[in-house]
Amino acid sequence: MSTIINVITTADGREALERIGRSLLERRLVACLQVVGPIKSFYWWKGSIEEAEEWMAIMKTRGELYEQVEKEIRALHPYDVPEIMAVEAQRVSEAYEKWVAAETQGP
């Protein structure tokens, strides 16, 4: 079967992540979007430690779609350097794996 990945990104508002996620869902690049937050982030930016309230999106897809998902996120994301990372699922139930694969096959 397919390798299932979780693609994670963050933004300063829930609405931005919902817009990105809906675009990915409509294009069948992801099977599921979960938006979590708010969260508190601390990070280096331009030589200083920054802190911000952010929201996190976790999207389920197939590993072979990562490049397309990343490209779409970059095109729609409000940040100059958005967090975009994929975490490969080590173990996935067979039924869920089949569902993700089916929902990301296109119309």
PDB file of N, CA and C in Angstrom:
ATOM      1  N   MET A   1       0.840  -1.190   0.000  1.00  0.00           N
ATOM      2  CA  MET A   1       0.000   0.000   0.000  1.00  0.00           C
ATOM      3  C   MET A   1       0.882   1.250   0.000  1.00  0.00           C
ATOM      4  N   SER A   2       0.229   2.380   0.070  1.00  0.00           N
ATOM      5  CA  SER A   2       0.907   3.676   0.062  1.00  0.00           C
ATOM      6  C   SER A   2       1.550   3.976   1.407  1.00  0.00           C
ATOM      7  N   THR A   3       2.613   4.772   1.375  1.00  0.00           N
ATOM      8  CA  THR A   3       3.170   5.320   2.600  1.00  0.00           C
ATOM      9  C   THR A   3       2.302   6.502   2.997  1.00  0.00           C
ATOM     10  N   ILE A   4       1.818   6.509   4.222  1.00  0.00           N
ATOM     11  CA  ILE A   4       0.975   7.593   4.707  1.00  0.00           C
ATOM     12  C   ILE A   4       1.853   8.569   5.487  1.00  0.00           C
ATOM     13  N   ILE A   5       1.668   9.866   5.206  1.00  0.00           N
ATOM     14  CA  ILE A   5       2.412  10.898   5.916  1.00  0.00           C
ATOM     15  C   ILE A   5       1.445  11.917   6.510  1.00  0.00           C
ATOM     16  N   ASN A   6       1.898  12.560   7.560  1.00  0.00           N
ATOM     17  CA  ASN A   6       1.227  13.726   8.121  1.00  0.00           C
ATOM     18  C   ASN A   6       2.061  14.928   7.714  1.00  0.00           C
ATOM     19  N   VAL A   7       1.469  15.877   7.016  1.00  0.00           N
ATOM     20  CA  VAL A   7       2.151  17.112   6.652  1.00  0.00           C
ATOM     21  C   VAL A   7       1.692  18.171   7.646  1.00  0.00           C
ATOM     22  N   ILE A   8       2.661  18.841   8.253  1.00  0.00           N
ATOM     23  CA  ILE A   8       2.388  19.814   9.307  1.00  0.00           C
ATOM     24  C   ILE A   8       2.824  21.189   8.837  1.00  0.00           C
ATOM     25  N   THR A   9       1.982  22.180   9.100  1.00  0.00           N
ATOM     26  CA  THR A   9       2.347  23.570   8.891  1.00  0.00           C
ATOM     27  C   THR A   9       1.681  24.409   9.970  1.00  0.00           C
ATOM     28  N   THR A  10       2.202  25.605  10.197  1.00  0.00           N
ATOM     29  CA  THR A  10       1.633  26.521  11.166  1.00  0.00           C
ATOM     30  C   THR A  10       1.411  27.874  10.501  1.00  0.00           C
ATOM     31  N   ALA A  11       0.503  28.658  11.079  1.00  0.00           N
ATOM     32  CA  ALA A  11       0.247  30.016  10.595  1.00  0.00           C
ATOM     33  C   ALA A  11      -0.283  30.843  11.753  1.00  0.00           C
ATOM     34  N   ASP A  12      -0.357  32.140  11.534  1.00  0.00           N
ATOM     35  CA  ASP A  12      -0.789  33.032  12.607  1.00  0.00           C
ATOM     36  C   ASP A  12      -2.303  33.133  12.751  1.00  0.00           C
ATOM     37  N   GLY A  13      -3.040  32.396  11.931  1.00  0.00           N
ATOM     38  CA  GLY A  13      -4.490  32.389  12.058  1.00  0.00           C
ATOM     39  C   GLY A  13      -5.112  31.115  11.536  1.00  0.00           C
ATOM     40  N   ARG A  14      -6.201  30.731  12.141  1.00  0.00           N
ATOM     41  CA  ARG A  14      -6.929  29.534  11.734  1.00  0.00           C
ATOM     42  C   ARG A  14      -7.435  29.649  10.292  1.00  0.00           C
ATOM     43  N   GLU A  15      -7.886  30.842   9.918  1.00  0.00           N
ATOM     44  CA  GLU A  15      -8.475  31.046   8.598  1.00  0.00           C
ATOM     45  C   GLU A  15      -7.485  30.728   7.474  1.00  0.00           C
ATOM     46  N   ALA A  16      -6.236  31.131   7.636  1.00  0.00           N
ATOM     47  CA  ALA A  16      -5.216  30.855   6.617  1.00  0.00           C
ATOM     48  C   ALA A  16      -5.036  29.353   6.429  1.00  0.00           C
ATOM     49  N   LEU A  17      -5.012  28.623   7.527  1.00  0.00           N
ATOM     50  CA  LEU A  17      -4.836  27.170   7.434  1.00  0.00           C
ATOM     51  C   LEU A  17      -6.058  26.494   6.834  1.00  0.00           C
ATOM     52  N   GLU A  18      -7.235  26.995   7.165  1.00  0.00           N
ATOM     53  CA  GLU A  18      -8.454  26.432   6.576  1.00  0.00           C
ATOM     54  C   GLU A  18      -8.473  26.671   5.064  1.00  0.00           C
ATOM     55  N   ARG A  19      -8.046  27.845   4.628  1.00  0.00           N
ATOM     56  CA  ARG A  19      -7.997  28.154   3.196  1.00  0.00           C
ATOM     57  C   ARG A  19      -7.013  27.226   2.484  1.00  0.00           C
ATOM     58  N   ILE A  20      -5.830  27.059   3.061  1.00  0.00           N
ATOM     59  CA  ILE A  20      -4.822  26.164   2.488  1.00  0.00           C
ATOM     60  C   ILE A  20      -5.353  24.734   2.458  1.00  0.00           C
ATOM     61  N   GLY A  21      -5.882  24.278   3.583  1.00  0.00           N
ATOM     62  CA  GLY A  21      -6.371  22.911   3.681  1.00  0.00           C
ATOM     63  C   GLY A  21      -7.515  22.616   2.734  1.00  0.00           C
ATOM     64  N   ARG A  22      -8.442  23.551   2.616  1.00  0.00           N
ATOM     65  CA  ARG A  22      -9.574  23.335   1.697  1.00  0.00           C
ATOM     66  C   ARG A  22      -9.098  23.230   0.250  1.00  0.00           C
ATOM     67  N   SER A  23      -8.114  24.046  -0.123  1.00  0.00           N
ATOM     68  CA  SER A  23      -7.567  23.956  -1.469  1.00  0.00           C
ATOM     69  C   SER A  23      -6.950  22.579  -1.708  1.00  0.00           C
ATOM     70  N   LEU A  24      -6.201  22.097  -0.737  1.00  0.00           N
ATOM     71  CA  LEU A  24      -5.576  20.768  -0.854  1.00  0.00           C
ATOM     72  C   LEU A  24      -6.628  19.668  -0.882  1.00  0.00           C
ATOM     73  N   LEU A  25      -7.669  19.803  -0.082  1.00  0.00           N
ATOM     74  CA  LEU A  25      -8.754  18.821  -0.083  1.00  0.00           C
ATOM     75  C   LEU A  25      -9.474  18.808  -1.437  1.00  0.00           C
ATOM     76  N   GLU A  26      -9.806  19.989  -1.947  1.00  0.00           N
ATOM     77  CA  GLU A  26     -10.518  20.079  -3.219  1.00  0.00           C
ATOM     78  C   GLU A  26      -9.711  19.491  -4.367  1.00  0.00           C
ATOM     79  N   ARG A  27      -8.394  19.615  -4.301  1.00  0.00           N
ATOM     80  CA  ARG A  27      -7.518  19.064  -5.346  1.00  0.00           C
ATOM     81  C   ARG A  27      -7.173  17.595  -5.089  1.00  0.00           C
ATOM     82  N   ARG A  28      -7.729  17.023  -4.016  1.00  0.00           N
ATOM     83  CA  ARG A  28      -7.494  15.622  -3.629  1.00  0.00           C
ATOM     84  C   ARG A  28      -6.026  15.341  -3.335  1.00  0.00           C
ATOM     85  N   LEU A  29      -5.307  16.364  -2.851  1.00  0.00           N
ATOM     86  CA  LEU A  29      -3.913  16.168  -2.466  1.00  0.00           C
ATOM     87  C   LEU A  29      -3.796  15.693  -1.030  1.00  0.00           C
ATOM     88  N   VAL A  30      -4.815  15.931  -0.225  1.00  0.00           N
ATOM     89  CA  VAL A  30      -4.875  15.413   1.141  1.00  0.00           C
ATOM     90  C   VAL A  30      -6.252  14.810   1.368  1.00  0.00           C
ATOM     91  N   ALA A  31      -6.322  13.862   2.283  1.00  0.00           N
ATOM     92  CA  ALA A  31      -7.593  13.215   2.611  1.00  0.00           C
ATOM     93  C   ALA A  31      -8.254  13.855   3.817  1.00  0.00           C
ATOM     94  N   CYS A  32      -7.458  14.532   4.648  1.00  0.00           N
ATOM     95  CA  CYS A  32      -7.969  15.049   5.912  1.00  0.00           C
ATOM     96  C   CYS A  32      -7.141  16.246   6.342  1.00  0.00           C
ATOM     97  N   LEU A  33      -7.799  17.223   6.941  1.00  0.00           N
ATOM     98  CA  LEU A  33      -7.152  18.392   7.532  1.00  0.00           C
ATOM     99  C   LEU A  33      -7.634  18.521   8.963  1.00  0.00           C
ATOM    100  N   GLN A  34      -6.698  18.674   9.877  1.00  0.00           N
ATOM    101  CA  GLN A  34      -7.028  18.969  11.272  1.00  0.00           C
ATOM    102  C   GLN A  34      -6.333  20.265  11.644  1.00  0.00           C
ATOM    103  N   VAL A  35      -7.084  21.196  12.231  1.00  0.00           N
ATOM    104  CA  VAL A  35      -6.522  22.478  12.656  1.00  0.00           C
ATOM    105  C   VAL A  35      -6.586  22.521  14.180  1.00  0.00           C
ATOM    106  N   VAL A  36      -5.444  22.791  14.795  1.00  0.00           N
ATOM    107  CA  VAL A  36      -5.301  22.767  16.250  1.00  0.00           C
ATOM    108  C   VAL A  36      -4.796  24.134  16.710  1.00  0.00           C
ATOM    109  N   GLY A  37      -5.344  24.614  17.800  1.00  0.00           N
ATOM    110  CA  GLY A  37      -4.790  25.848  18.330  1.00  0.00           C
ATOM    111  C   GLY A  37      -5.783  26.607  19.177  1.00  0.00           C
ATOM    112  N   PRO A  38      -5.334  27.725  19.633  1.00  0.00           N
ATOM    113  CA  PRO A  38      -4.024  28.306  19.363  1.00  0.00           C
ATOM    114  C   PRO A  38      -2.914  27.611  20.151  1.00  0.00           C
ATOM    115  N   ILE A  39      -1.702  27.739  19.632  1.00  0.00           N
ATOM    116  CA  ILE A  39      -0.508  27.239  20.297  1.00  0.00           C
ATOM    117  C   ILE A  39       0.457  28.411  20.464  1.00  0.00           C
ATOM    118  N   LYS A  40       1.386  28.301  21.374  1.00  0.00           N
ATOM    119  CA  LYS A  40       2.410  29.329  21.586  1.00  0.00           C
ATOM    120  C   LYS A  40       3.705  28.829  20.972  1.00  0.00           C
ATOM    121  N   SER A  41       4.267  29.608  20.058  1.00  0.00           N
ATOM    122  CA  SER A  41       5.509  29.225  19.383  1.00  0.00           C
ATOM    123  C   SER A  41       6.635  30.181  19.769  1.00  0.00           C
ATOM    124  N   PHE A  42       7.811  29.621  19.954  1.00  0.00           N
ATOM    125  CA  PHE A  42       9.030  30.374  20.218  1.00  0.00           C
ATOM    126  C   PHE A  42      10.038  29.938  19.155  1.00  0.00           C
ATOM    127  N   TYR A  43      10.706  30.897  18.504  1.00  0.00           N
ATOM    128  CA  TYR A  43      11.584  30.549  17.394  1.00  0.00           C
ATOM    129  C   TYR A  43      12.562  31.681  17.109  1.00  0.00           C
ATOM    130  N   TRP A  44      13.656  31.316  16.433  1.00  0.00           N
ATOM    131  CA  TRP A  44      14.604  32.314  15.964  1.00  0.00           C
ATOM    132  C   TRP A  44      14.087  32.906  14.666  1.00  0.00           C
ATOM    133  N   TRP A  45      14.155  34.242  14.530  1.00  0.00           N
ATOM    134  CA  TRP A  45      13.808  34.903  13.273  1.00  0.00           C
ATOM    135  C   TRP A  45      14.639  36.176  13.151  1.00  0.00           C
ATOM    136  N   LYS A  46      15.456  36.226  12.110  1.00  0.00           N
ATOM    137  CA  LYS A  46      16.300  37.385  11.814  1.00  0.00           C
ATOM    138  C   LYS A  46      17.148  37.811  13.009  1.00  0.00           C
ATOM    139  N   GLY A  47      17.757  36.809  13.665  1.00  0.00           N
ATOM    140  CA  GLY A  47      18.704  37.070  14.731  1.00  0.00           C
ATOM    141  C   GLY A  47      18.139  37.261  16.118  1.00  0.00           C
ATOM    142  N   SER A  48      16.837  37.162  16.273  1.00  0.00           N
ATOM    143  CA  SER A  48      16.211  37.342  17.580  1.00  0.00           C
ATOM    144  C   SER A  48      15.265  36.191  17.888  1.00  0.00           C
ATOM    145  N   ILE A  49      15.076  35.942  19.164  1.00  0.00           N
ATOM    146  CA  ILE A  49      14.079  34.954  19.570  1.00  0.00           C
ATOM    147  C   ILE A  49      12.722  35.654  19.583  1.00  0.00           C
ATOM    148  N   GLU A  50      11.794  35.080  18.849  1.00  0.00           N
ATOM    149  CA  GLU A  50      10.437  35.610  18.731  1.00  0.00           C
ATOM    150  C   GLU A  50       9.466  34.670  19.431  1.00  0.00           C
ATOM    151  N   GLU A  51       8.299  35.180  19.752  1.00  0.00           N
ATOM    152  CA  GLU A  51       7.218  34.332  20.236  1.00  0.00           C
ATOM    153  C   GLU A  51       5.933  34.812  19.598  1.00  0.00           C
ATOM    154  N   ALA A  52       5.051  33.867  19.325  1.00  0.00           N
ATOM    155  CA  ALA A  52       3.807  34.199  18.642  1.00  0.00           C
ATOM    156  C   ALA A  52       2.734  33.178  18.970  1.00  0.00           C
ATOM    157  N   GLU A  53       1.506  33.618  18.881  1.00  0.00           N
ATOM    158  CA  GLU A  53       0.376  32.692  18.937  1.00  0.00           C
ATOM    159  C   GLU A  53       0.138  32.213  17.512  1.00  0.00           C
ATOM    160  N   GLU A  54       0.104  30.910  17.340  1.00  0.00           N
ATOM    161  CA  GLU A  54      -0.094  30.316  16.023  1.00  0.00           C
ATOM    162  C   GLU A  54      -1.137  29.211  16.112  1.00  0.00           C
ATOM    163  N   TRP A  55      -1.486  28.722  14.949  1.00  0.00           N
ATOM    164  CA  TRP A  55      -2.361  27.565  14.790  1.00  0.00           C
ATOM    165  C   TRP A  55      -1.588  26.534  13.990  1.00  0.00           C
ATOM    166  N   MET A  56      -1.914  25.261  14.176  1.00  0.00           N
ATOM    167  CA  MET A  56      -1.211  24.176  13.494  1.00  0.00           C
ATOM    168  C   MET A  56      -2.200  23.370  12.652  1.00  0.00           C
ATOM    169  N   ALA A  57      -1.771  23.044  11.444  1.00  0.00           N
ATOM    170  CA  ALA A  57      -2.557  22.168  10.574  1.00  0.00           C
ATOM    171  C   ALA A  57      -1.803  20.859  10.398  1.00  0.00           C
ATOM    172  N   ILE A  58      -2.544  19.767  10.504  1.00  0.00           N
ATOM    173  CA  ILE A  58      -2.001  18.429  10.272  1.00  0.00           C
ATOM    174  C   ILE A  58      -2.844  17.825   9.157  1.00  0.00           C
ATOM    175  N   MET A  59      -2.181  17.442   8.071  1.00  0.00           N
ATOM    176  CA  MET A  59      -2.883  16.922   6.899  1.00  0.00           C
ATOM    177  C   MET A  59      -2.396  15.524   6.570  1.00  0.00           C
ATOM    178  N   LYS A  60      -3.321  14.638   6.290  1.00  0.00           N
ATOM    179  CA  LYS A  60      -3.001  13.253   5.976  1.00  0.00           C
ATOM    180  C   LYS A  60      -2.998  13.048   4.474  1.00  0.00           C
ATOM    181  N   THR A  61      -1.920  12.424   3.973  1.00  0.00           N
ATOM    182  CA  THR A  61      -1.820  12.172   2.546  1.00  0.00           C
ATOM    183  C   THR A  61      -0.869  11.016   2.286  1.00  0.00           C
ATOM    184  N   ARG A  62      -0.643  10.744   1.005  1.00  0.00           N
ATOM    185  CA  ARG A  62       0.317   9.721   0.586  1.00  0.00           C
ATOM    186  C   ARG A  62       1.681  10.364   0.388  1.00  0.00           C
ATOM    187  N   GLY A  63       2.724   9.630   0.719  1.00  0.00           N
ATOM    188  CA  GLY A  63       4.079  10.150   0.609  1.00  0.00           C
ATOM    189  C   GLY A  63       4.431  10.656  -0.776  1.00  0.00           C
ATOM    190  N   GLU A  64       3.936  10.000  -1.800  1.00  0.00           N
ATOM    191  CA  GLU A  64       4.282  10.408  -3.166  1.00  0.00           C
ATOM    192  C   GLU A  64       3.648  11.744  -3.564  1.00  0.00           C
ATOM    193  N   LEU A  65       2.735  12.264  -2.761  1.00  0.00           N
ATOM    194  CA  LEU A  65       2.119  13.562  -3.051  1.00  0.00           C
ATOM    195  C   LEU A  65       2.797  14.725  -2.322  1.00  0.00           C
ATOM    196  N   TYR A  66       3.848  14.438  -1.533  1.00  0.00           N
ATOM    197  CA  TYR A  66       4.456  15.480  -0.716  1.00  0.00           C
ATOM    198  C   TYR A  66       4.873  16.707  -1.529  1.00  0.00           C
ATOM    199  N   GLU A  67       5.566  16.531  -2.639  1.00  0.00           N
ATOM    200  CA  GLU A  67       6.068  17.676  -3.405  1.00  0.00           C
ATOM    201  C   GLU A  67       4.918  18.567  -3.872  1.00  0.00           C
ATOM    202  N   GLN A  68       3.813  17.971  -4.321  1.00  0.00           N
ATOM    203  CA  GLN A  68       2.659  18.758  -4.757  1.00  0.00           C
ATOM    204  C   GLN A  68       2.020  19.491  -3.576  1.00  0.00           C
ATOM    205  N   VAL A  69       1.929  18.810  -2.441  1.00  0.00           N
ATOM    206  CA  VAL A  69       1.364  19.427  -1.240  1.00  0.00           C
ATOM    207  C   VAL A  69       2.240  20.603  -0.805  1.00  0.00           C
ATOM    208  N   GLU A  70       3.540  20.400  -0.770  1.00  0.00           N
ATOM    209  CA  GLU A  70       4.454  21.471  -0.378  1.00  0.00           C
ATOM    210  C   GLU A  70       4.322  22.670  -1.318  1.00  0.00           C
ATOM    211  N   LYS A  71       4.276  22.425  -2.604  1.00  0.00           N
ATOM    212  CA  LYS A  71       4.155  23.502  -3.593  1.00  0.00           C
ATOM    213  C   LYS A  71       2.876  24.308  -3.364  1.00  0.00           C
ATOM    214  N   GLU A  72       1.776  23.642  -3.120  1.00  0.00           N
ATOM    215  CA  GLU A  72       0.497  24.316  -2.890  1.00  0.00           C
ATOM    216  C   GLU A  72       0.523  25.124  -1.588  1.00  0.00           C
ATOM    217  N   ILE A  73       1.098  24.544  -0.541  1.00  0.00           N
ATOM    218  CA  ILE A  73       1.196  25.272   0.724  1.00  0.00           C
ATOM    219  C   ILE A  73       2.022  26.544   0.524  1.00  0.00           C
ATOM    220  N   ARG A  74       3.180  26.422  -0.130  1.00  0.00           N
ATOM    221  CA  ARG A  74       4.038  27.589  -0.366  1.00  0.00           C
ATOM    222  C   ARG A  74       3.292  28.677  -1.143  1.00  0.00           C
ATOM    223  N   ALA A  75       2.503  28.289  -2.131  1.00  0.00           N
ATOM    224  CA  ALA A  75       1.790  29.259  -2.960  1.00  0.00           C
ATOM    225  C   ALA A  75       0.723  30.015  -2.175  1.00  0.00           C
ATOM    226  N   LEU A  76       0.131  29.376  -1.164  1.00  0.00           N
ATOM    227  CA  LEU A  76      -0.995  29.960  -0.440  1.00  0.00           C
ATOM    228  C   LEU A  76      -0.644  30.504   0.939  1.00  0.00           C
ATOM    229  N   HIS A  77       0.539  30.161   1.445  1.00  0.00           N
ATOM    230  CA  HIS A  77       0.882  30.479   2.831  1.00  0.00           C
ATOM    231  C   HIS A  77       1.276  31.944   2.994  1.00  0.00           C
ATOM    232  N   PRO A  78       0.847  32.589   4.095  1.00  0.00           N
ATOM    233  CA  PRO A  78       1.190  33.992   4.302  1.00  0.00           C
ATOM    234  C   PRO A  78       2.630  34.235   4.783  1.00  0.00           C
ATOM    235  N   TYR A  79       3.345  33.225   5.260  1.00  0.00           N
ATOM    236  CA  TYR A  79       4.690  33.406   5.795  1.00  0.00           C
ATOM    237  C   TYR A  79       5.735  33.396   4.683  1.00  0.00           C
ATOM    238  N   ASP A  80       6.850  34.118   4.912  1.00  0.00           N
ATOM    239  CA  ASP A  80       7.986  34.069   4.000  1.00  0.00           C
ATOM    240  C   ASP A  80       8.633  32.686   3.999  1.00  0.00           C
ATOM    241  N   VAL A  81       8.766  32.106   5.192  1.00  0.00           N
ATOM    242  CA  VAL A  81       9.379  30.783   5.349  1.00  0.00           C
ATOM    243  C   VAL A  81       8.438  29.926   6.201  1.00  0.00           C
ATOM    244  N   PRO A  82       7.429  29.337   5.573  1.00  0.00           N
ATOM    245  CA  PRO A  82       6.485  28.534   6.361  1.00  0.00           C
ATOM    246  C   PRO A  82       7.095  27.209   6.804  1.00  0.00           C
ATOM    247  N   GLU A  83       6.664  26.767   7.966  1.00  0.00           N
ATOM    248  CA  GLU A  83       6.996  25.406   8.404  1.00  0.00           C
ATOM    249  C   GLU A  83       6.200  24.454   7.528  1.00  0.00           C
ATOM    250  N   ILE A  84       6.904  23.577   6.842  1.00  0.00           N
ATOM    251  CA  ILE A  84       6.254  22.518   6.071  1.00  0.00           C
ATOM    252  C   ILE A  84       7.096  21.282   6.300  1.00  0.00           C
ATOM    253  N   MET A  85       6.554  20.327   7.019  1.00  0.00           N
ATOM    254  CA  MET A  85       7.309  19.104   7.265  1.00  0.00           C
ATOM    255  C   MET A  85       6.384  17.904   7.188  1.00  0.00           C
ATOM    256  N   ALA A  86       6.956  16.800   6.788  1.00  0.00           N
ATOM    257  CA  ALA A  86       6.204  15.555   6.702  1.00  0.00           C
ATOM    258  C   ALA A  86       6.759  14.562   7.707  1.00  0.00           C
ATOM    259  N   VAL A  87       5.847  13.887   8.365  1.00  0.00           N
ATOM    260  CA  VAL A  87       6.199  12.834   9.305  1.00  0.00           C
ATOM    261  C   VAL A  87       5.562  11.548   8.791  1.00  0.00           C
ATOM    262  N   GLU A  88       6.407  10.574   8.510  1.00  0.00           N
ATOM    263  CA  GLU A  88       5.897   9.301   7.994  1.00  0.00           C
ATOM    264  C   GLU A  88       5.272   8.502   9.125  1.00  0.00           C
ATOM    265  N   ALA A  89       4.091   7.991   8.869  1.00  0.00           N
ATOM    266  CA  ALA A  89       3.413   7.141   9.840  1.00  0.00           C
ATOM    267  C   ALA A  89       4.116   5.783   9.875  1.00  0.00           C
ATOM    268  N   GLN A  90       4.515   5.368  11.044  1.00  0.00           N
ATOM    269  CA  GLN A  90       5.191   4.084  11.191  1.00  0.00           C
ATOM    270  C   GLN A  90       4.235   2.904  11.076  1.00  0.00           C
ATOM    271  N   ARG A  91       3.053   3.095  11.627  1.00  0.00           N
ATOM    272  CA  ARG A  91       2.038   2.044  11.578  1.00  0.00           C
ATOM    273  C   ARG A  91       0.691   2.704  11.343  1.00  0.00           C
ATOM    274  N   VAL A  92      -0.081   2.145  10.437  1.00  0.00           N
ATOM    275  CA  VAL A  92      -1.396   2.688  10.089  1.00  0.00           C
ATOM    276  C   VAL A  92      -2.351   1.513   9.936  1.00  0.00           C
ATOM    277  N   SER A  93      -3.551   1.655  10.483  1.00  0.00           N
ATOM    278  CA  SER A  93      -4.521   0.575  10.301  1.00  0.00           C
ATOM    279  C   SER A  93      -4.808   0.411   8.806  1.00  0.00           C
ATOM    280  N   GLU A  94      -5.044  -0.796   8.407  1.00  0.00           N
ATOM    281  CA  GLU A  94      -5.265  -1.088   6.991  1.00  0.00           C
ATOM    282  C   GLU A  94      -6.449  -0.306   6.435  1.00  0.00           C
ATOM    283  N   ALA A  95      -7.530  -0.225   7.189  1.00  0.00           N
ATOM    284  CA  ALA A  95      -8.721   0.484   6.713  1.00  0.00           C
ATOM    285  C   ALA A  95      -8.424   1.979   6.520  1.00  0.00           C
ATOM    286  N   TYR A  96      -7.704   2.589   7.455  1.00  0.00           N
ATOM    287  CA  TYR A  96      -7.386   4.017   7.345  1.00  0.00           C
ATOM    288  C   TYR A  96      -6.441   4.266   6.175  1.00  0.00           C
ATOM    289  N   GLU A  97      -5.461   3.394   6.021  1.00  0.00           N
ATOM    290  CA  GLU A  97      -4.514   3.515   4.911  1.00  0.00           C
ATOM    291  C   GLU A  97      -5.253   3.457   3.571  1.00  0.00           C
ATOM    292  N   LYS A  98      -6.187   2.535   3.438  1.00  0.00           N
ATOM    293  CA  LYS A  98      -6.973   2.413   2.206  1.00  0.00           C
ATOM    294  C   LYS A  98      -7.817   3.659   1.983  1.00  0.00           C
ATOM    295  N   TRP A  99      -8.380   4.211   3.067  1.00  0.00           N
ATOM    296  CA  TRP A  99      -9.210   5.407   2.952  1.00  0.00           C
ATOM    297  C   TRP A  99      -8.383   6.591   2.461  1.00  0.00           C
ATOM    298  N   VAL A 100      -7.210   6.839   3.084  1.00  0.00           N
ATOM    299  CA  VAL A 100      -6.347   7.938   2.649  1.00  0.00           C
ATOM    300  C   VAL A 100      -5.959   7.764   1.184  1.00  0.00           C
ATOM    301  N   ALA A 101      -5.576   6.568   0.813  1.00  0.00           N
ATOM    302  CA  ALA A 101      -5.177   6.305  -0.567  1.00  0.00           C
ATOM    303  C   ALA A 101      -6.328   6.563  -1.527  1.00  0.00           C
ATOM    304  N   ALA A 102      -7.529   6.108  -1.185  1.00  0.00           N
ATOM    305  CA  ALA A 102      -8.694   6.288  -2.057  1.00  0.00           C
ATOM    306  C   ALA A 102      -9.067   7.758  -2.201  1.00  0.00           C
ATOM    307  N   GLU A 103      -8.988   8.502  -1.115  1.00  0.00           N
ATOM    308  CA  GLU A 103      -9.413   9.905  -1.136  1.00  0.00           C
ATOM    309  C   GLU A 103      -8.403  10.838  -1.781  1.00  0.00           C
ATOM    310  N   THR A 104      -7.199  10.357  -2.027  1.00  0.00           N
ATOM    311  CA  THR A 104      -6.175  11.189  -2.660  1.00  0.00           C
ATOM    312  C   THR A 104      -5.841  10.692  -4.069  1.00  0.00           C
ATOM    313  N   GLN A 105      -6.736   9.955  -4.673  1.00  0.00           N
ATOM    314  CA  GLN A 105      -6.523   9.451  -6.021  1.00  0.00           C
ATOM    315  C   GLN A 105      -7.059  10.384  -7.102  1.00  0.00           C
ATOM    316  N   GLY A 106      -7.722  11.446  -6.705  1.00  0.00           N
ATOM    317  CA  GLY A 106      -8.309  12.355  -7.687  1.00  0.00           C
ATOM    318  C   GLY A 106      -9.760  11.992  -7.924  1.00  0.00           C
ATOM    319  N   PRO A 107     -10.482  12.903  -8.592  1.00  0.00           N
ATOM    320  CA  PRO A 107     -11.926  12.672  -8.804  1.00  0.00           C
ATOM    321  C   PRO A 107     -12.198  11.517  -9.748  1.00  0.00           C
TER     322      PRO A 107
END
